[in-house]
């Protein structure tokens, strides 16, 4: 953000919050994926399988609550949407360049 000239702008804290929330949502996806992978292994204890979903639930509630109390939620949500679209485009390019075996 600083290299793009956002230093000292009033929107800089909102973009930083949006980046942090997007990072937390990515961790939510990792927790959910870990839970789905552990579901396949039936010999795991219930507590071990439930931990990733509990983490995902807590991260999701935290992000939703944080967005709910933010007075600039429109800016934050649009920045998060732009980040999500960017990640999706870069992922598609990466998969196109390196197809799965």
PDB file of N, CA and C in Angstrom:
ATOM      1  N   UNK A   1       0.825  -1.188   0.000  1.00  0.00           N
ATOM      2  CA  UNK A   1       0.000   0.000   0.000  1.00  0.00           C
ATOM      3  C   UNK A   1       0.872   1.256   0.000  1.00  0.00           C
ATOM      4  N   UNK A   2       1.969   1.191   0.717  1.00  0.00           N
ATOM      5  CA  UNK A   2       2.821   2.369   0.780  1.00  0.00           C
ATOM      6  C   UNK A   2       3.471   2.641  -0.575  1.00  0.00           C
ATOM      7  N   UNK A   3       3.831   1.589  -1.299  1.00  0.00           N
ATOM      8  CA  UNK A   3       4.453   1.768  -2.610  1.00  0.00           C
ATOM      9  C   UNK A   3       3.470   2.356  -3.624  1.00  0.00           C
ATOM     10  N   UNK A   4       2.183   2.154  -3.399  1.00  0.00           N
ATOM     11  CA  UNK A   4       1.171   2.693  -4.305  1.00  0.00           C
ATOM     12  C   UNK A   4       0.771   4.121  -3.966  1.00  0.00           C
ATOM     13  N   UNK A   5       1.339   4.668  -2.897  1.00  0.00           N
ATOM     14  CA  UNK A   5       1.066   6.054  -2.550  1.00  0.00           C
ATOM     15  C   UNK A   5      -0.060   6.252  -1.559  1.00  0.00           C
ATOM     16  N   UNK A   6      -0.400   5.233  -0.774  1.00  0.00           N
ATOM     17  CA  UNK A   6      -1.469   5.365   0.204  1.00  0.00           C
ATOM     18  C   UNK A   6      -0.984   5.866   1.561  1.00  0.00           C
ATOM     19  N   UNK A   7       0.275   6.191   1.690  1.00  0.00           N
ATOM     20  CA  UNK A   7       0.795   6.673   2.969  1.00  0.00           C
ATOM     21  C   UNK A   7       0.117   7.990   3.335  1.00  0.00           C
ATOM     22  N   UNK A   8      -0.435   8.060   4.515  1.00  0.00           N
ATOM     23  CA  UNK A   8      -1.078   9.284   4.990  1.00  0.00           C
ATOM     24  C   UNK A   8      -2.499   9.484   4.511  1.00  0.00           C
ATOM     25  N   UNK A   9      -3.005   8.606   3.660  1.00  0.00           N
ATOM     26  CA  UNK A   9      -4.383   8.728   3.186  1.00  0.00           C
ATOM     27  C   UNK A   9      -5.343   8.266   4.276  1.00  0.00           C
ATOM     28  N   UNK A  10      -6.556   8.765   4.236  1.00  0.00           N
ATOM     29  CA  UNK A  10      -7.535   8.389   5.252  1.00  0.00           C
ATOM     30  C   UNK A  10      -8.041   6.957   5.067  1.00  0.00           C
ATOM     31  N   UNK A  11      -7.880   6.394   3.887  1.00  0.00           N
ATOM     32  CA  UNK A  11      -8.375   5.041   3.616  1.00  0.00           C
ATOM     33  C   UNK A  11      -7.369   3.959   4.024  1.00  0.00           C
ATOM     34  N   UNK A  12      -6.131   4.327   4.339  1.00  0.00           N
ATOM     35  CA  UNK A  12      -5.091   3.349   4.671  1.00  0.00           C
ATOM     36  C   UNK A  12      -5.487   2.426   5.819  1.00  0.00           C
ATOM     37  N   UNK A  13      -6.029   2.926   6.940  1.00  0.00           N
ATOM     38  CA  UNK A  13      -6.424   1.990   8.009  1.00  0.00           C
ATOM     39  C   UNK A  13      -7.536   1.027   7.585  1.00  0.00           C
ATOM     40  N   UNK A  14      -8.441   1.477   6.741  1.00  0.00           N
ATOM     41  CA  UNK A  14      -9.533   0.608   6.280  1.00  0.00           C
ATOM     42  C   UNK A  14      -8.995  -0.497   5.382  1.00  0.00           C
ATOM     43  N   UNK A  15      -8.045  -0.167   4.511  1.00  0.00           N
ATOM     44  CA  UNK A  15      -7.459  -1.186   3.649  1.00  0.00           C
ATOM     45  C   UNK A  15      -6.644  -2.180   4.464  1.00  0.00           C
ATOM     46  N   UNK A  16      -5.988  -1.707   5.502  1.00  0.00           N
ATOM     47  CA  UNK A  16      -5.231  -2.594   6.379  1.00  0.00           C
ATOM     48  C   UNK A  16      -6.177  -3.548   7.103  1.00  0.00           C
ATOM     49  N   UNK A  17      -7.296  -3.019   7.611  1.00  0.00           N
ATOM     50  CA  UNK A  17      -8.298  -3.881   8.263  1.00  0.00           C
ATOM     51  C   UNK A  17      -8.851  -4.901   7.286  1.00  0.00           C
ATOM     52  N   UNK A  18      -9.115  -4.477   6.059  1.00  0.00           N
ATOM     53  CA  UNK A  18      -9.654  -5.396   5.059  1.00  0.00           C
ATOM     54  C   UNK A  18      -8.652  -6.505   4.764  1.00  0.00           C
ATOM     55  N   UNK A  19      -7.387  -6.172   4.670  1.00  0.00           N
ATOM     56  CA  UNK A  19      -6.355  -7.176   4.438  1.00  0.00           C
ATOM     57  C   UNK A  19      -6.263  -8.165   5.583  1.00  0.00           C
ATOM     58  N   UNK A  20      -6.354  -7.670   6.801  1.00  0.00           N
ATOM     59  CA  UNK A  20      -6.299  -8.545   7.966  1.00  0.00           C
ATOM     60  C   UNK A  20      -7.522  -9.460   8.017  1.00  0.00           C
ATOM     61  N   UNK A  21      -8.698  -8.920   7.715  1.00  0.00           N
ATOM     62  CA  UNK A  21      -9.906  -9.747   7.710  1.00  0.00           C
ATOM     63  C   UNK A  21      -9.849 -10.801   6.608  1.00  0.00           C
ATOM     64  N   UNK A  22      -9.325 -10.428   5.455  1.00  0.00           N
ATOM     65  CA  UNK A  22      -9.210 -11.387   4.359  1.00  0.00           C
ATOM     66  C   UNK A  22      -8.237 -12.501   4.737  1.00  0.00           C
ATOM     67  N   UNK A  23      -7.154 -12.149   5.413  1.00  0.00           N
ATOM     68  CA  UNK A  23      -6.186 -13.139   5.878  1.00  0.00           C
ATOM     69  C   UNK A  23      -6.850 -14.097   6.872  1.00  0.00           C
ATOM     70  N   UNK A  24      -7.669 -13.562   7.772  1.00  0.00           N
ATOM     71  CA  UNK A  24      -8.381 -14.417   8.723  1.00  0.00           C
ATOM     72  C   UNK A  24      -9.358 -15.351   8.009  1.00  0.00           C
ATOM     73  N   UNK A  25     -10.011 -14.849   6.964  1.00  0.00           N
ATOM     74  CA  UNK A  25     -10.929 -15.696   6.209  1.00  0.00           C
ATOM     75  C   UNK A  25     -10.182 -16.803   5.458  1.00  0.00           C
ATOM     76  N   UNK A  26      -8.961 -16.512   5.017  1.00  0.00           N
ATOM     77  CA  UNK A  26      -8.162 -17.562   4.385  1.00  0.00           C
ATOM     78  C   UNK A  26      -7.820 -18.650   5.405  1.00  0.00           C
ATOM     79  N   UNK A  27      -7.532 -18.245   6.632  1.00  0.00           N
ATOM     80  CA  UNK A  27      -7.276 -19.235   7.670  1.00  0.00           C
ATOM     81  C   UNK A  27      -8.546 -20.022   7.988  1.00  0.00           C
ATOM     82  N   UNK A  28      -9.690 -19.397   7.886  1.00  0.00           N
ATOM     83  CA  UNK A  28     -10.953 -20.107   8.056  1.00  0.00           C
ATOM     84  C   UNK A  28     -11.070 -21.203   6.998  1.00  0.00           C
ATOM     85  N   UNK A  29     -10.689 -20.906   5.783  1.00  0.00           N
ATOM     86  CA  UNK A  29     -10.736 -21.903   4.712  1.00  0.00           C
ATOM     87  C   UNK A  29      -9.768 -23.053   4.995  1.00  0.00           C
ATOM     88  N   UNK A  30      -8.596 -22.732   5.541  1.00  0.00           N
ATOM     89  CA  UNK A  30      -7.628 -23.781   5.875  1.00  0.00           C
ATOM     90  C   UNK A  30      -8.176 -24.685   6.976  1.00  0.00           C
ATOM     91  N   UNK A  31      -8.792 -24.097   8.002  1.00  0.00           N
ATOM     92  CA  UNK A  31      -9.378 -24.885   9.078  1.00  0.00           C
ATOM     93  C   UNK A  31     -10.496 -25.784   8.546  1.00  0.00           C
ATOM     94  N   UNK A  32     -11.313 -25.249   7.654  1.00  0.00           N
ATOM     95  CA  UNK A  32     -12.402 -26.033   7.083  1.00  0.00           C
ATOM     96  C   UNK A  32     -11.856 -27.184   6.243  1.00  0.00           C
ATOM     97  N   UNK A  33     -10.804 -26.913   5.459  1.00  0.00           N
ATOM     98  CA  UNK A  33     -10.199 -27.973   4.650  1.00  0.00           C
ATOM     99  C   UNK A  33      -9.579 -29.056   5.540  1.00  0.00           C
ATOM    100  N   UNK A  34      -8.946 -28.656   6.627  1.00  0.00           N
ATOM    101  CA  UNK A  34      -8.371 -29.639   7.550  1.00  0.00           C
ATOM    102  C   UNK A  34      -9.467 -30.496   8.170  1.00  0.00           C
ATOM    103  N   UNK A  35     -10.573 -29.875   8.494  1.00  0.00           N
ATOM    104  CA  UNK A  35     -11.691 -30.635   9.053  1.00  0.00           C
ATOM    105  C   UNK A  35     -12.225 -31.645   8.046  1.00  0.00           C
ATOM    106  N   UNK A  36     -12.354 -31.218   6.812  1.00  0.00           N
ATOM    107  CA  UNK A  36     -12.869 -32.117   5.773  1.00  0.00           C
ATOM    108  C   UNK A  36     -11.921 -33.288   5.540  1.00  0.00           C
ATOM    109  N   UNK A  37     -10.621 -33.030   5.584  1.00  0.00           N
ATOM    110  CA  UNK A  37      -9.654 -34.108   5.405  1.00  0.00           C
ATOM    111  C   UNK A  37      -9.683 -35.074   6.579  1.00  0.00           C
ATOM    112  N   UNK A  38      -9.865 -34.542   7.786  1.00  0.00           N
ATOM    113  CA  UNK A  38      -9.888 -35.403   8.970  1.00  0.00           C
ATOM    114  C   UNK A  38     -11.179 -36.201   9.059  1.00  0.00           C
ATOM    115  N   UNK A  39     -12.228 -35.738   8.430  1.00  0.00           N
ATOM    116  CA  UNK A  39     -13.482 -36.494   8.432  1.00  0.00           C
ATOM    117  C   UNK A  39     -13.319 -37.822   7.714  1.00  0.00           C
ATOM    118  N   UNK A  40     -12.421 -37.864   6.753  1.00  0.00           N
ATOM    119  CA  UNK A  40     -12.211 -39.095   5.993  1.00  0.00           C
ATOM    120  C   UNK A  40     -11.552 -40.176   6.845  1.00  0.00           C
ATOM    121  N   UNK A  41     -10.812 -39.764   7.859  1.00  0.00           N
ATOM    122  CA  UNK A  41     -10.129 -40.725   8.721  1.00  0.00           C
ATOM    123  C   UNK A  41     -11.017 -41.005   9.926  1.00  0.00           C
ATOM    124  N   UNK A  42     -11.736 -42.102   9.876  1.00  0.00           N
ATOM    125  CA  UNK A  42     -12.729 -42.409  10.914  1.00  0.00           C
ATOM    126  C   UNK A  42     -12.098 -42.798  12.238  1.00  0.00           C
ATOM    127  N   UNK A  43     -10.827 -43.199  12.239  1.00  0.00           N
ATOM    128  CA  UNK A  43     -10.212 -43.641  13.484  1.00  0.00           C
ATOM    129  C   UNK A  43      -9.765 -42.488  14.375  1.00  0.00           C
ATOM    130  N   UNK A  44      -9.846 -41.267  13.885  1.00  0.00           N
ATOM    131  CA  UNK A  44      -9.495 -40.097  14.698  1.00  0.00           C
ATOM    132  C   UNK A  44     -10.505 -39.908  15.823  1.00  0.00           C
ATOM    133  N   UNK A  45     -10.031 -39.391  16.933  1.00  0.00           N
ATOM    134  CA  UNK A  45     -10.939 -39.073  18.041  1.00  0.00           C
ATOM    135  C   UNK A  45     -11.823 -37.896  17.636  1.00  0.00           C
ATOM    136  N   UNK A  46     -13.022 -37.833  18.213  1.00  0.00           N
ATOM    137  CA  UNK A  46     -13.957 -36.754  17.875  1.00  0.00           C
ATOM    138  C   UNK A  46     -13.360 -35.392  18.198  1.00  0.00           C
ATOM    139  N   UNK A  47     -12.652 -35.299  19.317  1.00  0.00           N
ATOM    140  CA  UNK A  47     -12.069 -34.022  19.710  1.00  0.00           C
ATOM    141  C   UNK A  47     -11.050 -33.544  18.669  1.00  0.00           C
ATOM    142  N   UNK A  48     -10.243 -34.447  18.154  1.00  0.00           N
ATOM    143  CA  UNK A  48      -9.254 -34.082  17.150  1.00  0.00           C
ATOM    144  C   UNK A  48      -9.886 -33.640  15.845  1.00  0.00           C
ATOM    145  N   UNK A  49     -11.033 -34.214  15.518  1.00  0.00           N
ATOM    146  CA  UNK A  49     -11.708 -33.832  14.274  1.00  0.00           C
ATOM    147  C   UNK A  49     -12.485 -32.536  14.433  1.00  0.00           C
ATOM    148  N   UNK A  50     -12.922 -32.234  15.632  1.00  0.00           N
ATOM    149  CA  UNK A  50     -13.759 -31.051  15.846  1.00  0.00           C
ATOM    150  C   UNK A  50     -12.941 -29.774  16.009  1.00  0.00           C
ATOM    151  N   UNK A  51     -11.680 -29.896  16.360  1.00  0.00           N
ATOM    152  CA  UNK A  51     -10.873 -28.702  16.615  1.00  0.00           C
ATOM    153  C   UNK A  51     -10.772 -27.757  15.414  1.00  0.00           C
ATOM    154  N   UNK A  52     -10.493 -28.261  14.189  1.00  0.00           N
ATOM    155  CA  UNK A  52     -10.444 -27.331  13.057  1.00  0.00           C
ATOM    156  C   UNK A  52     -11.776 -26.614  12.810  1.00  0.00           C
ATOM    157  N   UNK A  53     -12.898 -27.308  13.015  1.00  0.00           N
ATOM    158  CA  UNK A  53     -14.192 -26.644  12.790  1.00  0.00           C
ATOM    159  C   UNK A  53     -14.473 -25.604  13.858  1.00  0.00           C
ATOM    160  N   UNK A  54     -14.050 -25.873  15.087  1.00  0.00           N
ATOM    161  CA  UNK A  54     -14.212 -24.869  16.149  1.00  0.00           C
ATOM    162  C   UNK A  54     -13.384 -23.636  15.817  1.00  0.00           C
ATOM    163  N   UNK A  55     -12.160 -23.854  15.351  1.00  0.00           N
ATOM    164  CA  UNK A  55     -11.313 -22.721  14.942  1.00  0.00           C
ATOM    165  C   UNK A  55     -11.925 -21.938  13.797  1.00  0.00           C
ATOM    166  N   UNK A  56     -12.474 -22.638  12.812  1.00  0.00           N
ATOM    167  CA  UNK A  56     -13.114 -21.975  11.677  1.00  0.00           C
ATOM    168  C   UNK A  56     -14.328 -21.175  12.132  1.00  0.00           C
ATOM    169  N   UNK A  57     -15.120 -21.758  13.026  1.00  0.00           N
ATOM    170  CA  UNK A  57     -16.304 -21.066  13.530  1.00  0.00           C
ATOM    171  C   UNK A  57     -15.918 -19.793  14.281  1.00  0.00           C
ATOM    172  N   UNK A  58     -14.906 -19.887  15.126  1.00  0.00           N
ATOM    173  CA  UNK A  58     -14.467 -18.704  15.883  1.00  0.00           C
ATOM    174  C   UNK A  58     -13.910 -17.621  14.965  1.00  0.00           C
ATOM    175  N   UNK A  59     -13.107 -18.013  13.968  1.00  0.00           N
ATOM    176  CA  UNK A  59     -12.580 -17.026  13.026  1.00  0.00           C
ATOM    177  C   UNK A  59     -13.705 -16.362  12.238  1.00  0.00           C
ATOM    178  N   UNK A  60     -14.670 -17.162  11.793  1.00  0.00           N
ATOM    179  CA  UNK A  60     -15.797 -16.608  11.045  1.00  0.00           C
ATOM    180  C   UNK A  60     -16.623 -15.641  11.871  1.00  0.00           C
ATOM    181  N   UNK A  61     -16.910 -16.010  13.115  1.00  0.00           N
ATOM    182  CA  UNK A  61     -17.662 -15.107  13.991  1.00  0.00           C
ATOM    183  C   UNK A  61     -16.896 -13.822  14.272  1.00  0.00           C
ATOM    184  N   UNK A  62     -15.587 -13.938  14.440  1.00  0.00           N
ATOM    185  CA  UNK A  62     -14.767 -12.761  14.690  1.00  0.00           C
ATOM    186  C   UNK A  62     -14.813 -11.790  13.514  1.00  0.00           C
ATOM    187  N   UNK A  63     -14.653 -12.321  12.302  1.00  0.00           N
ATOM    188  CA  UNK A  63     -14.652 -11.456  11.118  1.00  0.00           C
ATOM    189  C   UNK A  63     -16.027 -10.831  10.904  1.00  0.00           C
ATOM    190  N   UNK A  64     -17.085 -11.611  11.055  1.00  0.00           N
ATOM    191  CA  UNK A  64     -18.441 -11.071  10.874  1.00  0.00           C
ATOM    192  C   UNK A  64     -18.734  -9.998  11.921  1.00  0.00           C
ATOM    193  N   UNK A  65     -18.335 -10.253  13.163  1.00  0.00           N
ATOM    194  CA  UNK A  65     -18.527  -9.244  14.210  1.00  0.00           C
ATOM    195  C   UNK A  65     -17.727  -7.988  13.959  1.00  0.00           C
ATOM    196  N   UNK A  66     -16.503  -8.174  13.484  1.00  0.00           N
ATOM    197  CA  UNK A  66     -15.642  -7.016  13.215  1.00  0.00           C
ATOM    198  C   UNK A  66     -16.219  -6.178  12.079  1.00  0.00           C
ATOM    199  N   UNK A  67     -16.718  -6.828  11.052  1.00  0.00           N
ATOM    200  CA  UNK A  67     -17.339  -6.089   9.942  1.00  0.00           C
ATOM    201  C   UNK A  67     -18.619  -5.410  10.420  1.00  0.00           C
ATOM    202  N   UNK A  68     -19.373  -6.091  11.291  1.00  0.00           N
ATOM    203  CA  UNK A  68     -20.638  -5.537  11.775  1.00  0.00           C
ATOM    204  C   UNK A  68     -20.498  -4.259  12.567  1.00  0.00           C
ATOM    205  N   UNK A  69     -19.398  -4.104  13.296  1.00  0.00           N
ATOM    206  CA  UNK A  69     -19.222  -2.899  14.118  1.00  0.00           C
ATOM    207  C   UNK A  69     -18.391  -1.833  13.421  1.00  0.00           C
ATOM    208  N   UNK A  70     -17.877  -2.124  12.247  1.00  0.00           N
ATOM    209  CA  UNK A  70     -17.031  -1.157  11.546  1.00  0.00           C
ATOM    210  C   UNK A  70     -17.889  -0.103  10.850  1.00  0.00           C
ATOM    211  N   UNK A  71     -17.653   1.170  11.122  1.00  0.00           N
ATOM    212  CA  UNK A  71     -18.461   2.207  10.468  1.00  0.00           C
ATOM    213  C   UNK A  71     -18.179   2.339   8.970  1.00  0.00           C
ATOM    214  N   UNK A  72     -17.028   1.866   8.513  1.00  0.00           N
ATOM    215  CA  UNK A  72     -16.673   1.943   7.089  1.00  0.00           C
ATOM    216  C   UNK A  72     -16.793   0.563   6.438  1.00  0.00           C
ATOM    217  N   UNK A  73     -17.847  -0.180   6.794  1.00  0.00           N
ATOM    218  CA  UNK A  73     -17.952  -1.570   6.331  1.00  0.00           C
ATOM    219  C   UNK A  73     -18.058  -1.675   4.816  1.00  0.00           C
ATOM    220  N   UNK A  74     -18.600  -0.694   4.162  1.00  0.00           N
ATOM    221  CA  UNK A  74     -18.694  -0.735   2.702  1.00  0.00           C
ATOM    222  C   UNK A  74     -17.324  -0.727   2.051  1.00  0.00           C
ATOM    223  N   UNK A  75     -16.452   0.134   2.546  1.00  0.00           N
ATOM    224  CA  UNK A  75     -15.091   0.199   2.014  1.00  0.00           C
ATOM    225  C   UNK A  75     -14.342  -1.089   2.294  1.00  0.00           C
ATOM    226  N   UNK A  76     -14.482  -1.592   3.517  1.00  0.00           N
ATOM    227  CA  UNK A  76     -13.791  -2.822   3.903  1.00  0.00           C
ATOM    228  C   UNK A  76     -14.284  -4.001   3.067  1.00  0.00           C
ATOM    229  N   UNK A  77     -15.593  -4.119   2.900  1.00  0.00           N
ATOM    230  CA  UNK A  77     -16.140  -5.231   2.117  1.00  0.00           C
ATOM    231  C   UNK A  77     -15.751  -5.147   0.643  1.00  0.00           C
ATOM    232  N   UNK A  78     -15.720  -3.933   0.088  1.00  0.00           N
ATOM    233  CA  UNK A  78     -15.319  -3.817  -1.320  1.00  0.00           C
ATOM    234  C   UNK A  78     -13.837  -4.142  -1.487  1.00  0.00           C
ATOM    235  N   UNK A  79     -12.999  -3.767  -0.524  1.00  0.00           N
ATOM    236  CA  UNK A  79     -11.582  -4.117  -0.596  1.00  0.00           C
ATOM    237  C   UNK A  79     -11.393  -5.624  -0.458  1.00  0.00           C
ATOM    238  N   UNK A  80     -12.172  -6.247   0.434  1.00  0.00           N
ATOM    239  CA  UNK A  80     -12.077  -7.702   0.585  1.00  0.00           C
ATOM    240  C   UNK A  80     -12.555  -8.419  -0.669  1.00  0.00           C
ATOM    241  N   UNK A  81     -13.588  -7.899  -1.300  1.00  0.00           N
ATOM    242  CA  UNK A  81     -14.077  -8.476  -2.549  1.00  0.00           C
ATOM    243  C   UNK A  81     -13.017  -8.357  -3.637  1.00  0.00           C
ATOM    244  N   UNK A  82     -12.368  -7.200  -3.720  1.00  0.00           N
ATOM    245  CA  UNK A  82     -11.310  -7.017  -4.713  1.00  0.00           C
ATOM    246  C   UNK A  82     -10.153  -7.976  -4.453  1.00  0.00           C
ATOM    247  N   UNK A  83      -9.802  -8.189  -3.186  1.00  0.00           N
ATOM    248  CA  UNK A  83      -8.734  -9.140  -2.866  1.00  0.00           C
ATOM    249  C   UNK A  83      -9.144 -10.557  -3.248  1.00  0.00           C
ATOM    250  N   UNK A  84     -10.391 -10.919  -2.984  1.00  0.00           N
ATOM    251  CA  UNK A  84     -10.863 -12.255  -3.333  1.00  0.00           C
ATOM    252  C   UNK A  84     -10.844 -12.498  -4.829  1.00  0.00           C
ATOM    253  N   UNK A  85     -11.265 -11.503  -5.587  1.00  0.00           N
ATOM    254  CA  UNK A  85     -11.235 -11.621  -7.048  1.00  0.00           C
ATOM    255  C   UNK A  85      -9.800 -11.735  -7.538  1.00  0.00           C
ATOM    256  N   UNK A  86      -8.913 -10.955  -6.939  1.00  0.00           N
ATOM    257  CA  UNK A  86      -7.498 -11.030  -7.315  1.00  0.00           C
ATOM    258  C   UNK A  86      -6.897 -12.387  -7.031  1.00  0.00           C
ATOM    259  N   UNK A  87      -7.202 -12.938  -5.874  1.00  0.00           N
ATOM    260  CA  UNK A  87      -6.696 -14.271  -5.526  1.00  0.00           C
ATOM    261  C   UNK A  87      -7.264 -15.320  -6.470  1.00  0.00           C
ATOM    262  N   UNK A  88      -8.540 -15.211  -6.798  1.00  0.00           N
ATOM    263  CA  UNK A  88      -9.161 -16.173  -7.711  1.00  0.00           C
ATOM    264  C   UNK A  88      -8.522 -16.113  -9.100  1.00  0.00           C
ATOM    265  N   UNK A  89      -8.268 -14.915  -9.585  1.00  0.00           N
ATOM    266  CA  UNK A  89      -7.646 -14.762 -10.908  1.00  0.00           C
ATOM    267  C   UNK A  89      -6.228 -15.310 -10.900  1.00  0.00           C
ATOM    268  N   UNK A  90      -5.452 -14.982  -9.876  1.00  0.00           N
ATOM    269  CA  UNK A  90      -4.082 -15.487  -9.794  1.00  0.00           C
ATOM    270  C   UNK A  90      -4.056 -17.011  -9.638  1.00  0.00           C
ATOM    271  N   UNK A  91      -5.008 -17.567  -8.892  1.00  0.00           N
ATOM    272  CA  UNK A  91      -5.088 -19.023  -8.750  1.00  0.00           C
ATOM    273  C   UNK A  91      -5.430 -19.685 -10.077  1.00  0.00           C
ATOM    274  N   UNK A  92      -6.346 -19.091 -10.816  1.00  0.00           N
ATOM    275  CA  UNK A  92      -6.716 -19.647 -12.121  1.00  0.00           C
ATOM    276  C   UNK A  92      -5.526 -19.603 -13.081  1.00  0.00           C
ATOM    277  N   UNK A  93      -4.781 -18.516 -13.069  1.00  0.00           N
ATOM    278  CA  UNK A  93      -3.589 -18.407 -13.926  1.00  0.00           C
ATOM    279  C   UNK A  93      -2.564 -19.457 -13.520  1.00  0.00           C
ATOM    280  N   UNK A  94      -2.366 -19.618 -12.218  1.00  0.00           N
ATOM    281  CA  UNK A  94      -1.390 -20.602 -11.736  1.00  0.00           C
ATOM    282  C   UNK A  94      -1.796 -22.016 -12.142  1.00  0.00           C
ATOM    283  N   UNK A  95      -3.088 -22.333 -12.003  1.00  0.00           N
ATOM    284  CA  UNK A  95      -3.541 -23.665 -12.412  1.00  0.00           C
ATOM    285  C   UNK A  95      -3.450 -23.866 -13.924  1.00  0.00           C
ATOM    286  N   UNK A  96      -3.654 -22.788 -14.674  1.00  0.00           N
ATOM    287  CA  UNK A  96      -3.554 -22.874 -16.122  1.00  0.00           C
ATOM    288  C   UNK A  96      -2.109 -23.132 -16.538  1.00  0.00           C
ATOM    289  N   UNK A  97      -1.166 -22.461 -15.847  1.00  0.00           N
ATOM    290  CA  UNK A  97       0.250 -22.642 -16.188  1.00  0.00           C
ATOM    291  C   UNK A  97       0.810 -23.962 -15.685  1.00  0.00           C
ATOM    292  N   UNK A  98       0.287 -24.466 -14.555  1.00  0.00           N
ATOM    293  CA  UNK A  98       0.764 -25.701 -13.959  1.00  0.00           C
ATOM    294  C   UNK A  98      -0.415 -26.637 -13.746  1.00  0.00           C
ATOM    295  N   UNK A  99      -0.882 -27.314 -14.792  1.00  0.00           N
ATOM    296  CA  UNK A  99      -2.056 -28.178 -14.640  1.00  0.00           C
ATOM    297  C   UNK A  99      -1.787 -29.324 -13.667  1.00  0.00           C
ATOM    298  N   UNK A 100      -2.848 -29.773 -13.024  1.00  0.00           N
ATOM    299  CA  UNK A 100      -2.741 -30.895 -12.094  1.00  0.00           C
ATOM    300  C   UNK A 100      -2.415 -32.169 -12.853  1.00  0.00           C
ATOM    301  N   UNK A 101      -1.649 -33.083 -12.231  1.00  0.00           N
ATOM    302  CA  UNK A 101      -1.279 -34.322 -12.946  1.00  0.00           C
ATOM    303  C   UNK A 101      -2.473 -35.224 -13.173  1.00  0.00           C
TER     304      UNK A 101
END
